[in-house]
PDB file of N, CA and C in Angstrom:
ATOM      1  N   MET A   1      53.810  -2.638  55.536  1.00  0.00           N
ATOM      2  CA  MET A   1      54.935  -1.800  55.079  1.00  0.00           C
ATOM      3  C   MET A   1      54.535  -0.722  56.441  1.00  0.00           C
ATOM      4  N   ASP A   2      55.892  -0.683  56.940  1.00  0.00           N
ATOM      5  CA  ASP A   2      56.001   0.126  58.013  1.00  0.00           C
ATOM      6  C   ASP A   2      56.012   1.938  57.497  1.00  0.00           C
ATOM      7  N   GLU A   3      56.197   2.880  58.414  1.00  0.00           N
ATOM      8  CA  GLU A   3      56.456   4.273  58.302  1.00  0.00           C
ATOM      9  C   GLU A   3      57.081   4.512  57.402  1.00  0.00           C
ATOM     10  N   LYS A   4      58.513   3.854  58.068  1.00  0.00           N
ATOM     11  CA  LYS A   4      59.690   4.113  57.327  1.00  0.00           C
ATOM     12  C   LYS A   4      59.873   3.719  55.836  1.00  0.00           C
ATOM     13  N   GLU A   5      59.610   2.837  55.413  1.00  0.00           N
ATOM     14  CA  GLU A   5      59.623   1.767  54.219  1.00  0.00           C
ATOM     15  C   GLU A   5      58.445   2.546  53.188  1.00  0.00           C
ATOM     16  N   GLN A   6      57.624   3.409  53.965  1.00  0.00           N
ATOM     17  CA  GLN A   6      56.463   4.207  52.891  1.00  0.00           C
ATOM     18  C   GLN A   6      57.291   5.268  52.566  1.00  0.00           C
ATOM     19  N   ARG A   7      57.672   6.083  53.656  1.00  0.00           N
ATOM     20  CA  ARG A   7      58.282   7.306  53.430  1.00  0.00           C
ATOM     21  C   ARG A   7      59.500   7.034  52.222  1.00  0.00           C
ATOM     22  N   GLN A   8      60.334   5.822  52.223  1.00  0.00           N
ATOM     23  CA  GLN A   8      61.454   5.874  51.574  1.00  0.00           C
ATOM     24  C   GLN A   8      60.648   5.252  50.113  1.00  0.00           C
ATOM     25  N   ARG A   9      59.685   4.300  50.183  1.00  0.00           N
ATOM     26  CA  ARG A   9      59.233   4.333  48.752  1.00  0.00           C
ATOM     27  C   ARG A   9      58.568   5.621  48.126  1.00  0.00           C
ATOM     28  N   LEU A  10      58.292   6.503  48.703  1.00  0.00           N
ATOM     29  CA  LEU A  10      57.532   8.051  48.293  1.00  0.00           C
ATOM     30  C   LEU A  10      58.493   8.536  47.942  1.00  0.00           C
ATOM     31  N   ILE A  11      59.688   8.696  48.878  1.00  0.00           N
ATOM     32  CA  ILE A  11      60.875   9.427  48.242  1.00  0.00           C
ATOM     33  C   ILE A  11      61.717   8.758  47.197  1.00  0.00           C
ATOM     34  N   ASP A  12      61.846   7.671  47.038  1.00  0.00           N
ATOM     35  CA  ASP A  12      61.926   6.964  45.645  1.00  0.00           C
ATOM     36  C   ASP A  12      61.324   6.921  44.416  1.00  0.00           C
ATOM     37  N   ILE A  13      60.076   7.204  44.562  1.00  0.00           N
ATOM     38  CA  ILE A  13      59.247   7.547  43.050  1.00  0.00           C
ATOM     39  C   ILE A  13      59.423   9.083  43.107  1.00  0.00           C
ATOM     40  N   GLN A  14      59.289   9.762  43.987  1.00  0.00           N
ATOM     41  CA  GLN A  14      59.226  11.454  43.431  1.00  0.00           C
ATOM     42  C   GLN A  14      60.629  11.817  42.984  1.00  0.00           C
ATOM     43  N   ASN A  15      61.977  11.087  43.602  1.00  0.00           N
ATOM     44  CA  ASN A  15      63.039  11.244  43.218  1.00  0.00           C
ATOM     45  C   ASN A  15      63.040  10.597  41.742  1.00  0.00           C
ATOM     46  N   THR A  16      62.513   9.654  40.877  1.00  0.00           N
ATOM     47  CA  THR A  16      62.963   8.821  40.227  1.00  0.00           C
ATOM     48  C   THR A  16      61.984   9.995  38.659  1.00  0.00           C
ATOM     49  N   PHE A  17      60.495  10.378  39.569  1.00  0.00           N
ATOM     50  CA  PHE A  17      59.744  10.809  38.348  1.00  0.00           C
ATOM     51  C   PHE A  17      59.841  12.539  38.554  1.00  0.00           C
ATOM     52  N   GLN A  18      60.505  12.846  39.362  1.00  0.00           N
ATOM     53  CA  GLN A  18      60.522  14.242  39.044  1.00  0.00           C
ATOM     54  C   GLN A  18      61.996  14.744  38.521  1.00  0.00           C
ATOM     55  N   SER A  19      62.850  13.729  38.202  1.00  0.00           N
ATOM     56  CA  SER A  19      63.951  14.256  37.497  1.00  0.00           C
ATOM     57  C   SER A  19      63.629  14.407  35.965  1.00  0.00           C
ATOM     58  N   PRO A  20      64.561  15.069  35.415  1.00  0.00           N
ATOM     59  CA  PRO A  20      64.211  15.213  33.706  1.00  0.00           C
ATOM     60  C   PRO A  20      64.263  14.044  33.042  1.00  0.00           C
ATOM     61  N   HIS A  21      64.933  12.716  33.280  1.00  0.00           N
ATOM     62  CA  HIS A  21      64.592  11.646  32.936  1.00  0.00           C
ATOM     63  C   HIS A  21      63.156  10.832  33.127  1.00  0.00           C
ATOM     64  N   GLY A  22      62.961  10.916  34.586  1.00  0.00           N
ATOM     65  CA  GLY A  22      61.777  10.811  35.042  1.00  0.00           C
ATOM     66  C   GLY A  22      60.528  11.157  34.244  1.00  0.00           C
ATOM     67  N   GLN A  23      60.541  12.450  34.277  1.00  0.00           N
ATOM     68  CA  GLN A  23      59.576  13.367  33.861  1.00  0.00           C
ATOM     69  C   GLN A  23      59.290  12.997  32.034  1.00  0.00           C
ATOM     70  N   ARG A  24      60.264  12.740  31.242  1.00  0.00           N
ATOM     71  CA  ARG A  24      60.409  12.079  30.067  1.00  0.00           C
ATOM     72  C   ARG A  24      59.390  11.113  30.325  1.00  0.00           C
ATOM     73  N   VAL A  25      59.966  10.120  30.615  1.00  0.00           N
ATOM     74  CA  VAL A  25      59.310   8.576  31.231  1.00  0.00           C
ATOM     75  C   VAL A  25      57.916   8.834  31.310  1.00  0.00           C
ATOM     76  N   LEU A  26      57.833   9.749  32.284  1.00  0.00           N
ATOM     77  CA  LEU A  26      56.072   9.755  32.670  1.00  0.00           C
ATOM     78  C   LEU A  26      55.407  10.393  31.667  1.00  0.00           C
ATOM     79  N   VAL A  27      55.853  11.414  30.797  1.00  0.00           N
ATOM     80  CA  VAL A  27      55.107  11.607  29.951  1.00  0.00           C
ATOM     81  C   VAL A  27      54.875  10.688  28.586  1.00  0.00           C
ATOM     82  N   ASP A  28      56.033   9.557  28.433  1.00  0.00           N
ATOM     83  CA  ASP A  28      55.905   8.680  27.554  1.00  0.00           C
ATOM     84  C   ASP A  28      55.049   7.497  27.869  1.00  0.00           C
ATOM     85  N   LEU A  29      54.957   7.627  29.247  1.00  0.00           N
ATOM     86  CA  LEU A  29      53.598   6.354  29.897  1.00  0.00           C
ATOM     87  C   LEU A  29      52.436   7.022  29.493  1.00  0.00           C
ATOM     88  N   GLN A  30      52.307   8.276  30.033  1.00  0.00           N
ATOM     89  CA  GLN A  30      51.138   8.897  29.441  1.00  0.00           C
ATOM     90  C   GLN A  30      50.506   8.695  28.281  1.00  0.00           C
ATOM     91  N   LYS A  31      51.396   8.505  26.932  1.00  0.00           N
ATOM     92  CA  LYS A  31      50.769   8.502  26.055  1.00  0.00           C
ATOM     93  C   LYS A  31      50.624   6.751  25.590  1.00  0.00           C
ATOM     94  N   VAL A  32      51.190   6.045  25.735  1.00  0.00           N
ATOM     95  CA  VAL A  32      51.648   4.578  25.840  1.00  0.00           C
ATOM     96  C   VAL A  32      50.214   3.945  26.296  1.00  0.00           C
ATOM     97  N   CYS A  33      50.145   4.878  27.849  1.00  0.00           N
ATOM     98  CA  CYS A  33      49.071   3.833  28.265  1.00  0.00           C
ATOM     99  C   CYS A  33      47.712   4.600  27.880  1.00  0.00           C
ATOM    100  N   GLY A  34      47.729   5.485  27.233  1.00  0.00           N
ATOM    101  CA  GLY A  34      46.509   6.397  26.686  1.00  0.00           C
ATOM    102  C   GLY A  34      45.793   6.999  28.030  1.00  0.00           C
ATOM    103  N   CYS A  35      46.168   7.906  28.370  1.00  0.00           N
ATOM    104  CA  CYS A  35      45.802   8.720  29.581  1.00  0.00           C
ATOM    105  C   CYS A  35      44.702   9.966  29.077  1.00  0.00           C
ATOM    106  N   HIS A  36      45.276  10.409  27.604  1.00  0.00           N
ATOM    107  CA  HIS A  36      44.429  11.218  26.899  1.00  0.00           C
ATOM    108  C   HIS A  36      43.822  11.018  26.012  1.00  0.00           C
ATOM    109  N   ASP A  37      43.273   9.408  25.757  1.00  0.00           N
ATOM    110  CA  ASP A  37      42.801   8.859  24.807  1.00  0.00           C
ATOM    111  C   ASP A  37      41.348   8.517  25.302  1.00  0.00           C
ATOM    112  N   TYR A  38      40.303   8.121  24.404  1.00  0.00           N
ATOM    113  CA  TYR A  38      38.884   7.558  24.825  1.00  0.00           C
ATOM    114  C   TYR A  38      39.436   6.080  24.928  1.00  0.00           C
ATOM    115  N   LEU A  39      39.033   5.555  26.061  1.00  0.00           N
ATOM    116  CA  LEU A  39      39.435   4.135  26.311  1.00  0.00           C
ATOM    117  C   LEU A  39      38.483   3.184  26.145  1.00  0.00           C
ATOM    118  N   PHE A  40      37.223   3.333  26.324  1.00  0.00           N
ATOM    119  CA  PHE A  40      36.074   2.529  26.121  1.00  0.00           C
ATOM    120  C   PHE A  40      35.995   1.858  24.450  1.00  0.00           C
ATOM    121  N   SER A  41      35.711   0.585  24.595  1.00  0.00           N
ATOM    122  CA  SER A  41      35.523  -0.462  23.367  1.00  0.00           C
ATOM    123  C   SER A  41      34.111  -0.952  23.506  1.00  0.00           C
ATOM    124  N   ALA A  42      33.289  -0.325  22.892  1.00  0.00           N
ATOM    125  CA  ALA A  42      32.287  -1.257  22.794  1.00  0.00           C
ATOM    126  C   ALA A  42      32.378  -2.847  22.146  1.00  0.00           C
ATOM    127  N   GLU A  43      33.252  -2.943  21.312  1.00  0.00           N
ATOM    128  CA  GLU A  43      33.127  -4.336  21.012  1.00  0.00           C
ATOM    129  C   GLU A  43      33.965  -5.038  21.717  1.00  0.00           C
ATOM    130  N   ASN A  44      34.886  -5.034  22.515  1.00  0.00           N
ATOM    131  CA  ASN A  44      35.595  -5.588  23.246  1.00  0.00           C
ATOM    132  C   ASN A  44      35.957  -5.004  24.556  1.00  0.00           C
ATOM    133  N   PRO A  45      35.089  -5.627  25.847  1.00  0.00           N
ATOM    134  CA  PRO A  45      35.127  -5.036  26.944  1.00  0.00           C
ATOM    135  C   PRO A  45      36.270  -5.300  27.863  1.00  0.00           C
ATOM    136  N   HIS A  46      37.194  -6.612  27.347  1.00  0.00           N
ATOM    137  CA  HIS A  46      38.322  -6.871  27.804  1.00  0.00           C
ATOM    138  C   HIS A  46      39.067  -6.136  27.401  1.00  0.00           C
ATOM    139  N   LEU A  47      39.195  -5.447  26.248  1.00  0.00           N
ATOM    140  CA  LEU A  47      40.170  -4.315  25.734  1.00  0.00           C
ATOM    141  C   LEU A  47      40.015  -2.857  26.744  1.00  0.00           C
ATOM    142  N   THR A  48      38.830  -2.712  26.981  1.00  0.00           N
ATOM    143  CA  THR A  48      38.246  -1.562  27.944  1.00  0.00           C
ATOM    144  C   THR A  48      38.910  -1.641  29.099  1.00  0.00           C
ATOM    145  N   ALA A  49      39.132  -2.853  29.861  1.00  0.00           N
ATOM    146  CA  ALA A  49      39.620  -3.137  31.425  1.00  0.00           C
ATOM    147  C   ALA A  49      40.968  -2.914  31.165  1.00  0.00           C
ATOM    148  N   TYR A  50      41.783  -3.510  29.888  1.00  0.00           N
ATOM    149  CA  TYR A  50      43.064  -3.677  30.054  1.00  0.00           C
ATOM    150  C   TYR A  50      43.536  -2.324  29.736  1.00  0.00           C
ATOM    151  N   ARG A  51      42.922  -1.227  29.119  1.00  0.00           N
ATOM    152  CA  ARG A  51      43.066   0.004  28.533  1.00  0.00           C
ATOM    153  C   ARG A  51      42.904   0.782  30.202  1.00  0.00           C
ATOM    154  N   LEU A  52      41.657   0.387  30.659  1.00  0.00           N
ATOM    155  CA  LEU A  52      41.612   1.165  32.300  1.00  0.00           C
ATOM    156  C   LEU A  52      42.737   0.965  33.552  1.00  0.00           C
ATOM    157  N   GLY A  53      43.007  -0.505  32.978  1.00  0.00           N
ATOM    158  CA  GLY A  53      44.124  -0.774  33.725  1.00  0.00           C
ATOM    159  C   GLY A  53      45.514  -0.319  33.748  1.00  0.00           C
ATOM    160  N   MET A  54      46.043   0.078  32.505  1.00  0.00           N
ATOM    161  CA  MET A  54      47.312   0.568  32.216  1.00  0.00           C
ATOM    162  C   MET A  54      47.381   2.337  32.653  1.00  0.00           C
ATOM    163  N   ARG A  55      45.938   2.827  31.926  1.00  0.00           N
ATOM    164  CA  ARG A  55      46.097   3.923  32.689  1.00  0.00           C
ATOM    165  C   ARG A  55      46.087   4.024  34.529  1.00  0.00           C
ATOM    166  N   ALA A  56      45.626   2.899  35.144  1.00  0.00           N
ATOM    167  CA  ALA A  56      45.466   3.577  36.375  1.00  0.00           C
ATOM    168  C   ALA A  56      47.023   3.155  37.118  1.00  0.00           C
ATOM    169  N   VAL A  57      48.242   2.790  36.274  1.00  0.00           N
ATOM    170  CA  VAL A  57      49.204   2.788  36.677  1.00  0.00           C
ATOM    171  C   VAL A  57      50.054   3.927  36.394  1.00  0.00           C
ATOM    172  N   VAL A  58      49.704   4.593  35.723  1.00  0.00           N
ATOM    173  CA  VAL A  58      50.252   6.099  35.453  1.00  0.00           C
ATOM    174  C   VAL A  58      49.212   7.029  36.409  1.00  0.00           C
ATOM    175  N   LEU A  59      47.965   7.151  37.131  1.00  0.00           N
ATOM    176  CA  LEU A  59      47.416   7.794  37.572  1.00  0.00           C
ATOM    177  C   LEU A  59      48.052   7.398  39.116  1.00  0.00           C
ATOM    178  N   TRP A  60      48.390   6.184  39.474  1.00  0.00           N
ATOM    179  CA  TRP A  60      49.213   6.216  40.719  1.00  0.00           C
ATOM    180  C   TRP A  60      50.091   6.672  40.563  1.00  0.00           C
ATOM    181  N   ILE A  61      51.166   6.620  39.675  1.00  0.00           N
ATOM    182  CA  ILE A  61      52.635   7.600  39.795  1.00  0.00           C
ATOM    183  C   ILE A  61      52.350   8.843  40.001  1.00  0.00           C
ATOM    184  N   GLU A  62      51.241   9.239  39.188  1.00  0.00           N
ATOM    185  CA  GLU A  62      50.833  10.909  39.308  1.00  0.00           C
ATOM    186  C   GLU A  62      50.573  11.389  40.904  1.00  0.00           C
ATOM    187  N   SER A  63      49.558  10.268  41.463  1.00  0.00           N
ATOM    188  CA  SER A  63      49.334  10.781  42.865  1.00  0.00           C
ATOM    189  C   SER A  63      50.273  10.327  43.935  1.00  0.00           C
ATOM    190  N   MET A  64      51.231   9.556  43.445  1.00  0.00           N
ATOM    191  CA  MET A  64      52.632   9.653  44.675  1.00  0.00           C
ATOM    192  C   MET A  64      53.355  10.942  44.258  1.00  0.00           C
ATOM    193  N   LEU A  65      53.635  11.538  42.930  1.00  0.00           N
ATOM    194  CA  LEU A  65      54.087  12.763  42.921  1.00  0.00           C
ATOM    195  C   LEU A  65      53.268  13.805  43.483  1.00  0.00           C
ATOM    196  N   ALA A  66      52.194  13.579  44.134  1.00  0.00           N
ATOM    197  CA  ALA A  66      51.516  14.535  44.533  1.00  0.00           C
ATOM    198  C   ALA A  66      51.171  14.756  46.004  1.00  0.00           C
ATOM    199  N   LYS A  67      51.810  13.683  46.716  1.00  0.00           N
ATOM    200  CA  LYS A  67      51.997  13.338  47.930  1.00  0.00           C
ATOM    201  C   LYS A  67      53.045  14.170  48.420  1.00  0.00           C
ATOM    202  N   ASP A  68      52.980  14.427  50.148  1.00  0.00           N
ATOM    203  CA  ASP A  68      53.775  15.196  50.674  1.00  0.00           C
ATOM    204  C   ASP A  68      54.365  14.197  52.001  1.00  0.00           C
ATOM    205  N   VAL A  69      55.745  14.033  51.512  1.00  0.00           N
ATOM    206  CA  VAL A  69      56.468  12.999  52.709  1.00  0.00           C
ATOM    207  C   VAL A  69      56.322  13.136  54.132  1.00  0.00           C
ATOM    208  N   ASP A  70      55.985  14.632  54.323  1.00  0.00           N
ATOM    209  CA  ASP A  70      55.546  14.595  55.813  1.00  0.00           C
ATOM    210  C   ASP A  70      54.538  14.182  56.301  1.00  0.00           C
ATOM    211  N   GLU A  71      53.203  14.123  55.197  1.00  0.00           N
ATOM    212  CA  GLU A  71      52.566  13.391  55.408  1.00  0.00           C
ATOM    213  C   GLU A  71      52.121  12.199  55.785  1.00  0.00           C
ATOM    214  N   ILE A  72      53.092  11.263  55.679  1.00  0.00           N
ATOM    215  CA  ILE A  72      53.071   9.905  55.699  1.00  0.00           C
ATOM    216  C   ILE A  72      52.996   9.331  57.228  1.00  0.00           C
ATOM    217  N   GLY A  73      53.488   9.889  57.958  1.00  0.00           N
ATOM    218  CA  GLY A  73      52.874   9.238  59.443  1.00  0.00           C
ATOM    219  C   GLY A  73      51.322   9.756  59.890  1.00  0.00           C
ATOM    220  N   ARG A  74      51.183  11.013  59.530  1.00  0.00           N
ATOM    221  CA  ARG A  74      49.429  11.090  59.620  1.00  0.00           C
ATOM    222  C   ARG A  74      48.688  10.295  59.053  1.00  0.00           C
ATOM    223  N   GLN A  75      49.038  10.197  57.720  1.00  0.00           N
ATOM    224  CA  GLN A  75      47.991   9.701  56.926  1.00  0.00           C
ATOM    225  C   GLN A  75      47.761   7.889  57.230  1.00  0.00           C
ATOM    226  N   SER A  76      49.314   7.268  57.312  1.00  0.00           N
ATOM    227  CA  SER A  76      49.214   5.921  57.681  1.00  0.00           C
ATOM    228  C   SER A  76      48.763   5.594  59.017  1.00  0.00           C
ATOM    229  N   THR A  77      48.704   6.456  60.155  1.00  0.00           N
ATOM    230  CA  THR A  77      47.771   6.535  60.912  1.00  0.00           C
ATOM    231  C   THR A  77      46.313   6.442  60.672  1.00  0.00           C
ATOM    232  N   ALA A  78      45.969   7.330  59.877  1.00  0.00           N
ATOM    233  CA  ALA A  78      44.665   7.118  59.541  1.00  0.00           C
ATOM    234  C   ALA A  78      43.786   6.352  58.848  1.00  0.00           C
ATOM    235  N   ASP A  79      44.343   6.047  57.841  1.00  0.00           N
ATOM    236  CA  ASP A  79      44.000   4.994  57.054  1.00  0.00           C
ATOM    237  C   ASP A  79      44.753   3.776  57.055  1.00  0.00           C
ATOM    238  N   GLY A  80      45.834   3.266  57.386  1.00  0.00           N
ATOM    239  CA  GLY A  80      46.932   2.069  57.336  1.00  0.00           C
ATOM    240  C   GLY A  80      47.548   1.726  56.209  1.00  0.00           C
ATOM    241  N   ALA A  81      47.595   2.963  55.296  1.00  0.00           N
ATOM    242  CA  ALA A  81      48.219   2.273  54.057  1.00  0.00           C
ATOM    243  C   ALA A  81      48.673   3.931  53.512  1.00  0.00           C
ATOM    244  N   LEU A  82      49.751   3.666  52.788  1.00  0.00           N
ATOM    245  CA  LEU A  82      50.450   4.829  51.832  1.00  0.00           C
ATOM    246  C   LEU A  82      49.325   5.217  50.782  1.00  0.00           C
ATOM    247  N   ASP A  83      48.817   4.298  49.962  1.00  0.00           N
ATOM    248  CA  ASP A  83      47.898   4.547  49.095  1.00  0.00           C
ATOM    249  C   ASP A  83      46.629   3.943  49.084  1.00  0.00           C
ATOM    250  N   GLY A  84      46.207   4.137  50.175  1.00  0.00           N
ATOM    251  CA  GLY A  84      44.677   3.572  50.482  1.00  0.00           C
ATOM    252  C   GLY A  84      44.649   2.125  50.044  1.00  0.00           C
ATOM    253  N   ALA A  85      45.115   1.265  49.829  1.00  0.00           N
ATOM    254  CA  ALA A  85      44.979  -0.107  49.080  1.00  0.00           C
ATOM    255  C   ALA A  85      44.622  -0.525  50.756  1.00  0.00           C
ATOM    256  N   LYS A  86      43.180  -1.536  50.249  1.00  0.00           N
ATOM    257  CA  LYS A  86      43.169  -2.442  51.381  1.00  0.00           C
ATOM    258  C   LYS A  86      43.032  -3.707  51.185  1.00  0.00           C
ATOM    259  N   ASP A  87      44.035  -4.080  50.246  1.00  0.00           N
ATOM    260  CA  ASP A  87      44.015  -5.721  49.737  1.00  0.00           C
ATOM    261  C   ASP A  87      45.210  -6.389  50.610  1.00  0.00           C
ATOM    262  N   GLY A  88      46.170  -5.742  51.743  1.00  0.00           N
ATOM    263  CA  GLY A  88      47.101  -6.214  52.313  1.00  0.00           C
ATOM    264  C   GLY A  88      48.447  -6.261  51.587  1.00  0.00           C
ATOM    265  N   GLN A  89      48.450  -5.725  50.397  1.00  0.00           N
ATOM    266  CA  GLN A  89      49.941  -5.800  49.842  1.00  0.00           C
ATOM    267  C   GLN A  89      50.940  -4.897  49.988  1.00  0.00           C
ATOM    268  N   ASP A  90      50.303  -3.778  51.052  1.00  0.00           N
ATOM    269  CA  ASP A  90      51.231  -2.898  51.281  1.00  0.00           C
ATOM    270  C   ASP A  90      52.410  -3.395  52.701  1.00  0.00           C
TER     271      ASP A  90
END
């Protein structure tokens, strides 16, 4: 993903989740994904992994909301990706 696409993706995410509708959706996602709950299951490690995966999505959205669009060029030069992913899906 080039710098222009990264900037647009971040702007889209921020516009979506910083609107009143998006803020309500984010609060709902935090509840549904158990962001404020105890996620560990001693009986079922797969359930723990599932819950952590759901929580990771919300944390990713929150991290995108905290980013500065003007930092995109500097950050992408430093680490090669908007969100630091190294798996080549960016």
